[in-house]
Amino acid sequence: LKPQGGVNFIRTFKKQAEDQAVNLPSNLDELVQNATYVQS
């Protein structure tokens, strides 16, 4: 993925106890600032 910060940045990701494909984060508004996209 070649992120800024390399492997140290990858280590900041923490696996959630709940499956996030089913349970959305309670602070979703803080995490997502822009969810728009252009219609294909």
ModelCIF file with pLDDT and N, C-alpha, C, O atoms, coordinates in Angstrom:
data_MODEL
#
_entry.id   MODEL 
#
_entity.id                         1 
_entity.type                       polymer 
_entity.pdbx_number_of_molecules   1 
#
_entity_poly.entity_id                      1 
_entity_poly.type                           'polypeptide(L)' 
_entity_poly.nstd_linkage                   no 
_entity_poly.nstd_monomer                   no 
_entity_poly.pdbx_seq_one_letter_code       LKPQGGVNFIRTFKKQAEDQAVNLPSNLDELVQNATYVQS 
_entity_poly.pdbx_seq_one_letter_code_can   LKPQGGVNFIRTFKKQAEDQAVNLPSNLDELVQNATYVQS 
_entity_poly.pdbx_strand_id                 A 
#
loop_
_entity_poly_seq.entity_id 
_entity_poly_seq.num 
_entity_poly_seq.mon_id 
_entity_poly_seq.hetero 
1 1  LEU n 
1 2  LYS n 
1 3  PRO n 
1 4  GLN n 
1 5  GLY n 
1 6  GLY n 
1 7  VAL n 
1 8  ASN n 
1 9  PHE n 
1 10 ILE n 
1 11 ARG n 
1 12 THR n 
1 13 PHE n 
1 14 LYS n 
1 15 LYS n 
1 16 GLN n 
1 17 ALA n 
1 18 GLU n 
1 19 ASP n 
1 20 GLN n 
1 21 ALA n 
1 22 VAL n 
1 23 ASN n 
1 24 LEU n 
1 25 PRO n 
1 26 SER n 
1 27 ASN n 
1 28 LEU n 
1 29 ASP n 
1 30 GLU n 
1 31 LEU n 
1 32 VAL n 
1 33 GLN n 
1 34 ASN n 
1 35 ALA n 
1 36 THR n 
1 37 TYR n 
1 38 VAL n 
1 39 GLN n 
1 40 SER n 
#
_struct_asym.id          A 
_struct_asym.entity_id   1 
#
loop_
_ma_qa_metric.id 
_ma_qa_metric.mode 
_ma_qa_metric.name 
_ma_qa_metric.software_group_id 
_ma_qa_metric.type 
1 global pLDDT . pLDDT 
2 local  pLDDT . pLDDT 
#
_ma_qa_metric_global.metric_id      1 
_ma_qa_metric_global.metric_value   87.62 
_ma_qa_metric_global.model_id       1 
_ma_qa_metric_global.ordinal_id     1 
#
loop_
_ma_qa_metric_local.label_asym_id 
_ma_qa_metric_local.label_comp_id 
_ma_qa_metric_local.label_seq_id 
_ma_qa_metric_local.metric_id 
_ma_qa_metric_local.metric_value 
_ma_qa_metric_local.model_id 
_ma_qa_metric_local.ordinal_id 
A LEU 1  2 96.00 1 1  
A LYS 2  2 96.00 1 2  
A PRO 3  2 96.00 1 3  
A GLN 4  2 96.00 1 4  
A GLY 5  2 96.00 1 5  
A GLY 6  2 96.00 1 6  
A VAL 7  2 96.00 1 7  
A ASN 8  2 97.00 1 8  
A PHE 9  2 97.00 1 9  
A ILE 10 2 96.00 1 10 
A ARG 11 2 95.00 1 11 
A THR 12 2 96.00 1 12 
A PHE 13 2 93.00 1 13 
A LYS 14 2 90.00 1 14 
A LYS 15 2 87.00 1 15 
A GLN 16 2 82.00 1 16 
A ALA 17 2 79.00 1 17 
A GLU 18 2 73.00 1 18 
A ASP 19 2 71.00 1 19 
A GLN 20 2 64.00 1 20 
A ALA 21 2 66.00 1 21 
A VAL 22 2 68.00 1 22 
A ASN 23 2 76.00 1 23 
A LEU 24 2 78.00 1 24 
A PRO 25 2 81.00 1 25 
A SER 26 2 83.00 1 26 
A ASN 27 2 87.00 1 27 
A LEU 28 2 86.00 1 28 
A ASP 29 2 89.00 1 29 
A GLU 30 2 91.00 1 30 
A LEU 31 2 90.00 1 31 
A VAL 32 2 90.00 1 32 
A GLN 33 2 90.00 1 33 
A ASN 34 2 91.00 1 34 
A ALA 35 2 88.00 1 35 
A THR 36 2 91.00 1 36 
A TYR 37 2 90.00 1 37 
A VAL 38 2 92.00 1 38 
A GLN 39 2 92.00 1 39 
A SER 40 2 94.00 1 40 
#
loop_
_atom_site.group_PDB 
_atom_site.id 
_atom_site.type_symbol 
_atom_site.label_atom_id 
_atom_site.label_alt_id 
_atom_site.label_comp_id 
_atom_site.label_asym_id 
_atom_site.label_entity_id 
_atom_site.label_seq_id 
_atom_site.pdbx_PDB_ins_code 
_atom_site.Cartn_x 
_atom_site.Cartn_y 
_atom_site.Cartn_z 
_atom_site.occupancy 
_atom_site.B_iso_or_equiv 
_atom_site.pdbx_formal_charge 
_atom_site.auth_seq_id 
_atom_site.auth_comp_id 
_atom_site.auth_asym_id 
_atom_site.auth_atom_id 
_atom_site.pdbx_PDB_model_num 
ATOM 1   N N  . LEU A 1 1  ? 0.810   -1.217 0.000   1.00 96.00 ? 1  LEU A N  1 
ATOM 2   C CA . LEU A 1 1  ? 0.000   0.000  0.000   1.00 96.00 ? 1  LEU A CA 1 
ATOM 3   C C  . LEU A 1 1  ? 0.846   1.271  0.000   1.00 96.00 ? 1  LEU A C  1 
ATOM 4   O O  . LEU A 1 1  ? 0.367   2.337  -0.387  1.00 96.00 ? 1  LEU A O  1 
ATOM 5   N N  . LYS A 1 2  ? 2.121   1.158  0.440   1.00 96.00 ? 2  LYS A N  1 
ATOM 6   C CA . LYS A 1 2  ? 3.074   2.284  0.425   1.00 96.00 ? 2  LYS A CA 1 
ATOM 7   C C  . LYS A 1 2  ? 2.526   3.556  1.094   1.00 96.00 ? 2  LYS A C  1 
ATOM 8   O O  . LYS A 1 2  ? 2.566   4.624  0.484   1.00 96.00 ? 2  LYS A O  1 
ATOM 9   N N  . PRO A 1 3  ? 2.019   3.466  2.328   1.00 96.00 ? 3  PRO A N  1 
ATOM 10  C CA . PRO A 1 3  ? 1.484   4.665  2.979   1.00 96.00 ? 3  PRO A CA 1 
ATOM 11  C C  . PRO A 1 3  ? 2.600   5.555  3.520   1.00 96.00 ? 3  PRO A C  1 
ATOM 12  O O  . PRO A 1 3  ? 3.728   5.097  3.702   1.00 96.00 ? 3  PRO A O  1 
ATOM 13  N N  . GLN A 1 4  ? 2.289   6.823  3.777   1.00 96.00 ? 4  GLN A N  1 
ATOM 14  C CA . GLN A 1 4  ? 3.225   7.687  4.478   1.00 96.00 ? 4  GLN A CA 1 
ATOM 15  C C  . GLN A 1 4  ? 3.415   7.119  5.887   1.00 96.00 ? 4  GLN A C  1 
ATOM 16  O O  . GLN A 1 4  ? 2.439   6.806  6.569   1.00 96.00 ? 4  GLN A O  1 
ATOM 17  N N  . GLY A 1 5  ? 4.642   6.991  6.311   1.00 96.00 ? 5  GLY A N  1 
ATOM 18  C CA . GLY A 1 5  ? 4.910   6.419  7.621   1.00 96.00 ? 5  GLY A CA 1 
ATOM 19  C C  . GLY A 1 5  ? 5.182   4.935  7.570   1.00 96.00 ? 5  GLY A C  1 
ATOM 20  O O  . GLY A 1 5  ? 5.575   4.343  8.575   1.00 96.00 ? 5  GLY A O  1 
ATOM 21  N N  . GLY A 1 6  ? 4.978   4.317  6.404   1.00 96.00 ? 6  GLY A N  1 
ATOM 22  C CA . GLY A 1 6  ? 5.318   2.917  6.223   1.00 96.00 ? 6  GLY A CA 1 
ATOM 23  C C  . GLY A 1 6  ? 4.657   1.980  7.214   1.00 96.00 ? 6  GLY A C  1 
ATOM 24  O O  . GLY A 1 6  ? 3.466   2.099  7.501   1.00 96.00 ? 6  GLY A O  1 
ATOM 25  N N  . VAL A 1 7  ? 5.446   1.040  7.736   1.00 96.00 ? 7  VAL A N  1 
ATOM 26  C CA . VAL A 1 7  ? 4.901   0.008  8.605   1.00 96.00 ? 7  VAL A CA 1 
ATOM 27  C C  . VAL A 1 7  ? 4.379   0.597  9.912   1.00 96.00 ? 7  VAL A C  1 
ATOM 28  O O  . VAL A 1 7  ? 3.475   0.024  10.520  1.00 96.00 ? 7  VAL A O  1 
ATOM 29  N N  . ASN A 1 8  ? 4.927   1.724  10.356  1.00 97.00 ? 8  ASN A N  1 
ATOM 30  C CA . ASN A 1 8  ? 4.438   2.349  11.583  1.00 97.00 ? 8  ASN A CA 1 
ATOM 31  C C  . ASN A 1 8  ? 3.002   2.845  11.419  1.00 97.00 ? 8  ASN A C  1 
ATOM 32  O O  . ASN A 1 8  ? 2.207   2.790  12.357  1.00 97.00 ? 8  ASN A O  1 
ATOM 33  N N  . PHE A 1 9  ? 2.680   3.329  10.222  1.00 97.00 ? 9  PHE A N  1 
ATOM 34  C CA . PHE A 1 9  ? 1.301   3.753  9.970   1.00 97.00 ? 9  PHE A CA 1 
ATOM 35  C C  . PHE A 1 9  ? 0.381   2.543  9.943   1.00 97.00 ? 9  PHE A C  1 
ATOM 36  O O  . PHE A 1 9  ? -0.726  2.602  10.477  1.00 97.00 ? 9  PHE A O  1 
ATOM 37  N N  . ILE A 1 10 ? 0.816   1.448  9.333   1.00 96.00 ? 10 ILE A N  1 
ATOM 38  C CA . ILE A 1 10 ? 0.001   0.230  9.284   1.00 96.00 ? 10 ILE A CA 1 
ATOM 39  C C  . ILE A 1 10 ? -0.320  -0.243 10.704  1.00 96.00 ? 10 ILE A C  1 
ATOM 40  O O  . ILE A 1 10 ? -1.407  -0.765 10.954  1.00 96.00 ? 10 ILE A O  1 
ATOM 41  N N  . ARG A 1 11 ? 0.629   -0.059 11.638  1.00 95.00 ? 11 ARG A N  1 
ATOM 42  C CA . ARG A 1 11 ? 0.430   -0.509 13.016  1.00 95.00 ? 11 ARG A CA 1 
ATOM 43  C C  . ARG A 1 11 ? -0.601  0.317  13.778  1.00 95.00 ? 11 ARG A C  1 
ATOM 44  O O  . ARG A 1 11 ? -1.036  -0.083 14.858  1.00 95.00 ? 11 ARG A O  1 
ATOM 45  N N  . THR A 1 12 ? -1.000  1.472  13.224  1.00 96.00 ? 12 THR A N  1 
ATOM 46  C CA . THR A 1 12 ? -2.023  2.293  13.901  1.00 96.00 ? 12 THR A CA 1 
ATOM 47  C C  . THR A 1 12 ? -3.426  1.738  13.687  1.00 96.00 ? 12 THR A C  1 
ATOM 48  O O  . THR A 1 12 ? -4.362  2.170  14.360  1.00 96.00 ? 12 THR A O  1 
ATOM 49  N N  . PHE A 1 13 ? -3.594  0.787  12.762  1.00 93.00 ? 13 PHE A N  1 
ATOM 50  C CA . PHE A 1 13 ? -4.900  0.181  12.518  1.00 93.00 ? 13 PHE A CA 1 
ATOM 51  C C  . PHE A 1 13 ? -5.177  -0.875 13.573  1.00 93.00 ? 13 PHE A C  1 
ATOM 52  O O  . PHE A 1 13 ? -4.336  -1.740 13.817  1.00 93.00 ? 13 PHE A O  1 
ATOM 53  N N  . LYS A 1 14 ? -6.337  -0.816 14.199  1.00 90.00 ? 14 LYS A N  1 
ATOM 54  C CA . LYS A 1 14 ? -6.710  -1.770 15.235  1.00 90.00 ? 14 LYS A CA 1 
ATOM 55  C C  . LYS A 1 14 ? -7.974  -2.526 14.817  1.00 90.00 ? 14 LYS A C  1 
ATOM 56  O O  . LYS A 1 14 ? -8.968  -1.925 14.412  1.00 90.00 ? 14 LYS A O  1 
ATOM 57  N N  . LYS A 1 15 ? -7.914  -3.827 14.923  1.00 87.00 ? 15 LYS A N  1 
ATOM 58  C CA . LYS A 1 15 ? -9.075  -4.657 14.559  1.00 87.00 ? 15 LYS A CA 1 
ATOM 59  C C  . LYS A 1 15 ? -10.179 -4.468 15.586  1.00 87.00 ? 15 LYS A C  1 
ATOM 60  O O  . LYS A 1 15 ? -9.941  -4.566 16.790  1.00 87.00 ? 15 LYS A O  1 
ATOM 61  N N  . GLN A 1 16 ? -11.395 -4.194 15.103  1.00 82.00 ? 16 GLN A N  1 
ATOM 62  C CA . GLN A 1 16 ? -12.542 -3.973 15.971  1.00 82.00 ? 16 GLN A CA 1 
ATOM 63  C C  . GLN A 1 16 ? -13.133 -5.303 16.448  1.00 82.00 ? 16 GLN A C  1 
ATOM 64  O O  . GLN A 1 16 ? -13.024 -6.330 15.778  1.00 82.00 ? 16 GLN A O  1 
ATOM 65  N N  . ALA A 1 17 ? -13.752 -5.252 17.607  1.00 79.00 ? 17 ALA A N  1 
ATOM 66  C CA . ALA A 1 17 ? -14.363 -6.464 18.158  1.00 79.00 ? 17 ALA A CA 1 
ATOM 67  C C  . ALA A 1 17 ? -15.567 -6.892 17.336  1.00 79.00 ? 17 ALA A C  1 
ATOM 68  O O  . ALA A 1 17 ? -15.847 -8.085 17.219  1.00 79.00 ? 17 ALA A O  1 
ATOM 69  N N  . GLU A 1 18 ? -16.283 -5.925 16.764  1.00 73.00 ? 18 GLU A N  1 
ATOM 70  C CA . GLU A 1 18 ? -17.467 -6.216 15.961  1.00 73.00 ? 18 GLU A CA 1 
ATOM 71  C C  . GLU A 1 18 ? -17.123 -6.133 14.483  1.00 73.00 ? 18 GLU A C  1 
ATOM 72  O O  . GLU A 1 18 ? -16.195 -5.426 14.089  1.00 73.00 ? 18 GLU A O  1 
ATOM 73  N N  . ASP A 1 19 ? -17.879 -6.863 13.668  1.00 71.00 ? 19 ASP A N  1 
ATOM 74  C CA . ASP A 1 19 ? -17.687 -6.841 12.221  1.00 71.00 ? 19 ASP A CA 1 
ATOM 75  C C  . ASP A 1 19 ? -18.203 -5.512 11.688  1.00 71.00 ? 19 ASP A C  1 
ATOM 76  O O  . ASP A 1 19 ? -19.406 -5.253 11.731  1.00 71.00 ? 19 ASP A O  1 
ATOM 77  N N  . GLN A 1 20 ? -17.309 -4.668 11.186  1.00 64.00 ? 20 GLN A N  1 
ATOM 78  C CA . GLN A 1 20 ? -17.713 -3.348 10.719  1.00 64.00 ? 20 GLN A CA 1 
ATOM 79  C C  . GLN A 1 20 ? -18.441 -3.367 9.380   1.00 64.00 ? 20 GLN A C  1 
ATOM 80  O O  . GLN A 1 20 ? -18.964 -2.341 8.942   1.00 64.00 ? 20 GLN A O  1 
ATOM 81  N N  . ALA A 1 21 ? -18.477 -4.537 8.722   1.00 66.00 ? 21 ALA A N  1 
ATOM 82  C CA . ALA A 1 21 ? -19.292 -4.651 7.507   1.00 66.00 ? 21 ALA A CA 1 
ATOM 83  C C  . ALA A 1 21 ? -20.765 -4.688 7.867   1.00 66.00 ? 21 ALA A C  1 
ATOM 84  O O  . ALA A 1 21 ? -21.623 -4.432 7.022   1.00 66.00 ? 21 ALA A O  1 
ATOM 85  N N  . VAL A 1 22 ? -21.061 -5.009 9.125   1.00 68.00 ? 22 VAL A N  1 
ATOM 86  C CA . VAL A 1 22 ? -22.452 -5.093 9.594   1.00 68.00 ? 22 VAL A CA 1 
ATOM 87  C C  . VAL A 1 22 ? -22.775 -3.962 10.559  1.00 68.00 ? 22 VAL A C  1 
ATOM 88  O O  . VAL A 1 22 ? -23.836 -3.345 10.463  1.00 68.00 ? 22 VAL A O  1 
ATOM 89  N N  . ASN A 1 23 ? -21.847 -3.684 11.507  1.00 76.00 ? 23 ASN A N  1 
ATOM 90  C CA . ASN A 1 23 ? -22.068 -2.669 12.535  1.00 76.00 ? 23 ASN A CA 1 
ATOM 91  C C  . ASN A 1 23 ? -21.243 -1.431 12.225  1.00 76.00 ? 23 ASN A C  1 
ATOM 92  O O  . ASN A 1 23 ? -20.016 -1.456 12.325  1.00 76.00 ? 23 ASN A O  1 
ATOM 93  N N  . LEU A 1 24 ? -21.909 -0.356 11.852  1.00 78.00 ? 24 LEU A N  1 
ATOM 94  C CA . LEU A 1 24 ? -21.198 0.876  11.523  1.00 78.00 ? 24 LEU A CA 1 
ATOM 95  C C  . LEU A 1 24 ? -20.669 1.532  12.790  1.00 78.00 ? 24 LEU A C  1 
ATOM 96  O O  . LEU A 1 24 ? -21.273 1.399  13.854  1.00 78.00 ? 24 LEU A O  1 
ATOM 97  N N  . PRO A 1 25 ? -19.534 2.248  12.686  1.00 81.00 ? 25 PRO A N  1 
ATOM 98  C CA . PRO A 1 25 ? -18.966 2.915  13.872  1.00 81.00 ? 25 PRO A CA 1 
ATOM 99  C C  . PRO A 1 25 ? -19.940 3.940  14.445  1.00 81.00 ? 25 PRO A C  1 
ATOM 100 O O  . PRO A 1 25 ? -20.665 4.599  13.700  1.00 81.00 ? 25 PRO A O  1 
ATOM 101 N N  . SER A 1 26 ? -19.954 4.069  15.757  1.00 83.00 ? 26 SER A N  1 
ATOM 102 C CA . SER A 1 26 ? -20.846 5.036  16.413  1.00 83.00 ? 26 SER A CA 1 
ATOM 103 C C  . SER A 1 26 ? -20.437 6.475  16.091  1.00 83.00 ? 26 SER A C  1 
ATOM 104 O O  . SER A 1 26 ? -21.278 7.374  16.105  1.00 83.00 ? 26 SER A O  1 
ATOM 105 N N  . ASN A 1 27 ? -19.150 6.700  15.801  1.00 87.00 ? 27 ASN A N  1 
ATOM 106 C CA . ASN A 1 27 ? -18.654 8.046  15.470  1.00 87.00 ? 27 ASN A CA 1 
ATOM 107 C C  . ASN A 1 27 ? -18.455 8.206  13.970  1.00 87.00 ? 27 ASN A C  1 
ATOM 108 O O  . ASN A 1 27 ? -17.503 8.857  13.538  1.00 87.00 ? 27 ASN A O  1 
ATOM 109 N N  . LEU A 1 28 ? -19.342 7.619  13.172  1.00 86.00 ? 28 LEU A N  1 
ATOM 110 C CA . LEU A 1 28 ? -19.197 7.638  11.710  1.00 86.00 ? 28 LEU A CA 1 
ATOM 111 C C  . LEU A 1 28 ? -19.100 9.061  11.159  1.00 86.00 ? 28 LEU A C  1 
ATOM 112 O O  . LEU A 1 28 ? -18.337 9.309  10.225  1.00 86.00 ? 28 LEU A O  1 
ATOM 113 N N  . ASP A 1 29 ? -19.866 10.003 11.730  1.00 89.00 ? 29 ASP A N  1 
ATOM 114 C CA . ASP A 1 29 ? -19.843 11.387 11.246  1.00 89.00 ? 29 ASP A CA 1 
ATOM 115 C C  . ASP A 1 29 ? -18.467 12.025 11.418  1.00 89.00 ? 29 ASP A C  1 
ATOM 116 O O  . ASP A 1 29 ? -18.072 12.880 10.625  1.00 89.00 ? 29 ASP A O  1 
ATOM 117 N N  . GLU A 1 30 ? -17.744 11.613 12.444  1.00 91.00 ? 30 GLU A N  1 
ATOM 118 C CA . GLU A 1 30 ? -16.398 12.150 12.657  1.00 91.00 ? 30 GLU A CA 1 
ATOM 119 C C  . GLU A 1 30 ? -15.399 11.532 11.688  1.00 91.00 ? 30 GLU A C  1 
ATOM 120 O O  . GLU A 1 30 ? -14.451 12.193 11.263  1.00 91.00 ? 30 GLU A O  1 
ATOM 121 N N  . LEU A 1 31 ? -15.611 10.257 11.336  1.00 90.00 ? 31 LEU A N  1 
ATOM 122 C CA . LEU A 1 31 ? -14.643 9.543  10.505  1.00 90.00 ? 31 LEU A CA 1 
ATOM 123 C C  . LEU A 1 31 ? -14.771 9.897  9.025   1.00 90.00 ? 31 LEU A C  1 
ATOM 124 O O  . LEU A 1 31 ? -13.767 9.993  8.320   1.00 90.00 ? 31 LEU A O  1 
ATOM 125 N N  . VAL A 1 32 ? -16.002 10.092 8.554   1.00 90.00 ? 32 VAL A N  1 
ATOM 126 C CA . VAL A 1 32 ? -16.246 10.328 7.125   1.00 90.00 ? 32 VAL A CA 1 
ATOM 127 C C  . VAL A 1 32 ? -16.644 11.784 6.912   1.00 90.00 ? 32 VAL A C  1 
ATOM 128 O O  . VAL A 1 32 ? -17.666 12.244 7.421   1.00 90.00 ? 32 VAL A O  1 
ATOM 129 N N  . GLN A 1 33 ? -15.831 12.489 6.162   1.00 90.00 ? 33 GLN A N  1 
ATOM 130 C CA . GLN A 1 33 ? -16.109 13.904 5.891   1.00 90.00 ? 33 GLN A CA 1 
ATOM 131 C C  . GLN A 1 33 ? -16.817 14.117 4.543   1.00 90.00 ? 33 GLN A C  1 
ATOM 132 O O  . GLN A 1 33 ? -17.573 15.074 4.382   1.00 90.00 ? 33 GLN A O  1 
ATOM 133 N N  . ASN A 1 34 ? -16.571 13.232 3.593   1.00 91.00 ? 34 ASN A N  1 
ATOM 134 C CA . ASN A 1 34 ? -17.154 13.418 2.259   1.00 91.00 ? 34 ASN A CA 1 
ATOM 135 C C  . ASN A 1 34 ? -17.418 12.051 1.643   1.00 91.00 ? 34 ASN A C  1 
ATOM 136 O O  . ASN A 1 34 ? -16.484 11.293 1.380   1.00 91.00 ? 34 ASN A O  1 
ATOM 137 N N  . ALA A 1 35 ? -18.683 11.738 1.415   1.00 88.00 ? 35 ALA A N  1 
ATOM 138 C CA . ALA A 1 35 ? -19.048 10.434 0.847   1.00 88.00 ? 35 ALA A CA 1 
ATOM 139 C C  . ALA A 1 35 ? -19.708 10.569 -0.522  1.00 88.00 ? 35 ALA A C  1 
ATOM 140 O O  . ALA A 1 35 ? -20.430 9.676  -0.966  1.00 88.00 ? 35 ALA A O  1 
ATOM 141 N N  . THR A 1 36 ? -19.450 11.695 -1.184  1.00 91.00 ? 36 THR A N  1 
ATOM 142 C CA . THR A 1 36 ? -20.057 11.911 -2.497  1.00 91.00 ? 36 THR A CA 1 
ATOM 143 C C  . THR A 1 36 ? -19.217 11.249 -3.584  1.00 91.00 ? 36 THR A C  1 
ATOM 144 O O  . THR A 1 36 ? -18.020 11.019 -3.408  1.00 91.00 ? 36 THR A O  1 
ATOM 145 N N  . TYR A 1 37 ? -19.856 10.948 -4.700  1.00 90.00 ? 37 TYR A N  1 
ATOM 146 C CA . TYR A 1 37 ? -19.149 10.409 -5.859  1.00 90.00 ? 37 TYR A CA 1 
ATOM 147 C C  . TYR A 1 37 ? -19.944 10.765 -7.104  1.00 90.00 ? 37 TYR A C  1 
ATOM 148 O O  . TYR A 1 37 ? -21.131 11.079 -7.029  1.00 90.00 ? 37 TYR A O  1 
ATOM 149 N N  . VAL A 1 38 ? -19.282 10.713 -8.237  1.00 92.00 ? 38 VAL A N  1 
ATOM 150 C CA . VAL A 1 38 ? -19.921 11.034 -9.516  1.00 92.00 ? 38 VAL A CA 1 
ATOM 151 C C  . VAL A 1 38 ? -20.582 9.775  -10.057 1.00 92.00 ? 38 VAL A C  1 
ATOM 152 O O  . VAL A 1 38 ? -19.962 8.713  -10.113 1.00 92.00 ? 38 VAL A O  1 
ATOM 153 N N  . GLN A 1 39 ? -21.854 9.899  -10.457 1.00 92.00 ? 39 GLN A N  1 
ATOM 154 C CA . GLN A 1 39 ? -22.584 8.757  -11.021 1.00 92.00 ? 39 GLN A CA 1 
ATOM 155 C C  . GLN A 1 39 ? -21.886 8.264  -12.284 1.00 92.00 ? 39 GLN A C  1 
ATOM 156 O O  . GLN A 1 39 ? -21.548 9.053  -13.166 1.00 92.00 ? 39 GLN A O  1 
ATOM 157 N N  . SER A 1 40 ? -21.677 6.972  -12.361 1.00 94.00 ? 40 SER A N  1 
ATOM 158 C CA . SER A 1 40 ? -21.046 6.382  -13.542 1.00 94.00 ? 40 SER A CA 1 
ATOM 159 C C  . SER A 1 40 ? -21.995 6.440  -14.738 1.00 94.00 ? 40 SER A C  1 
ATOM 160 O O  . SER A 1 40 ? -21.642 5.990  -15.828 1.00 94.00 ? 40 SER A O  1 
#
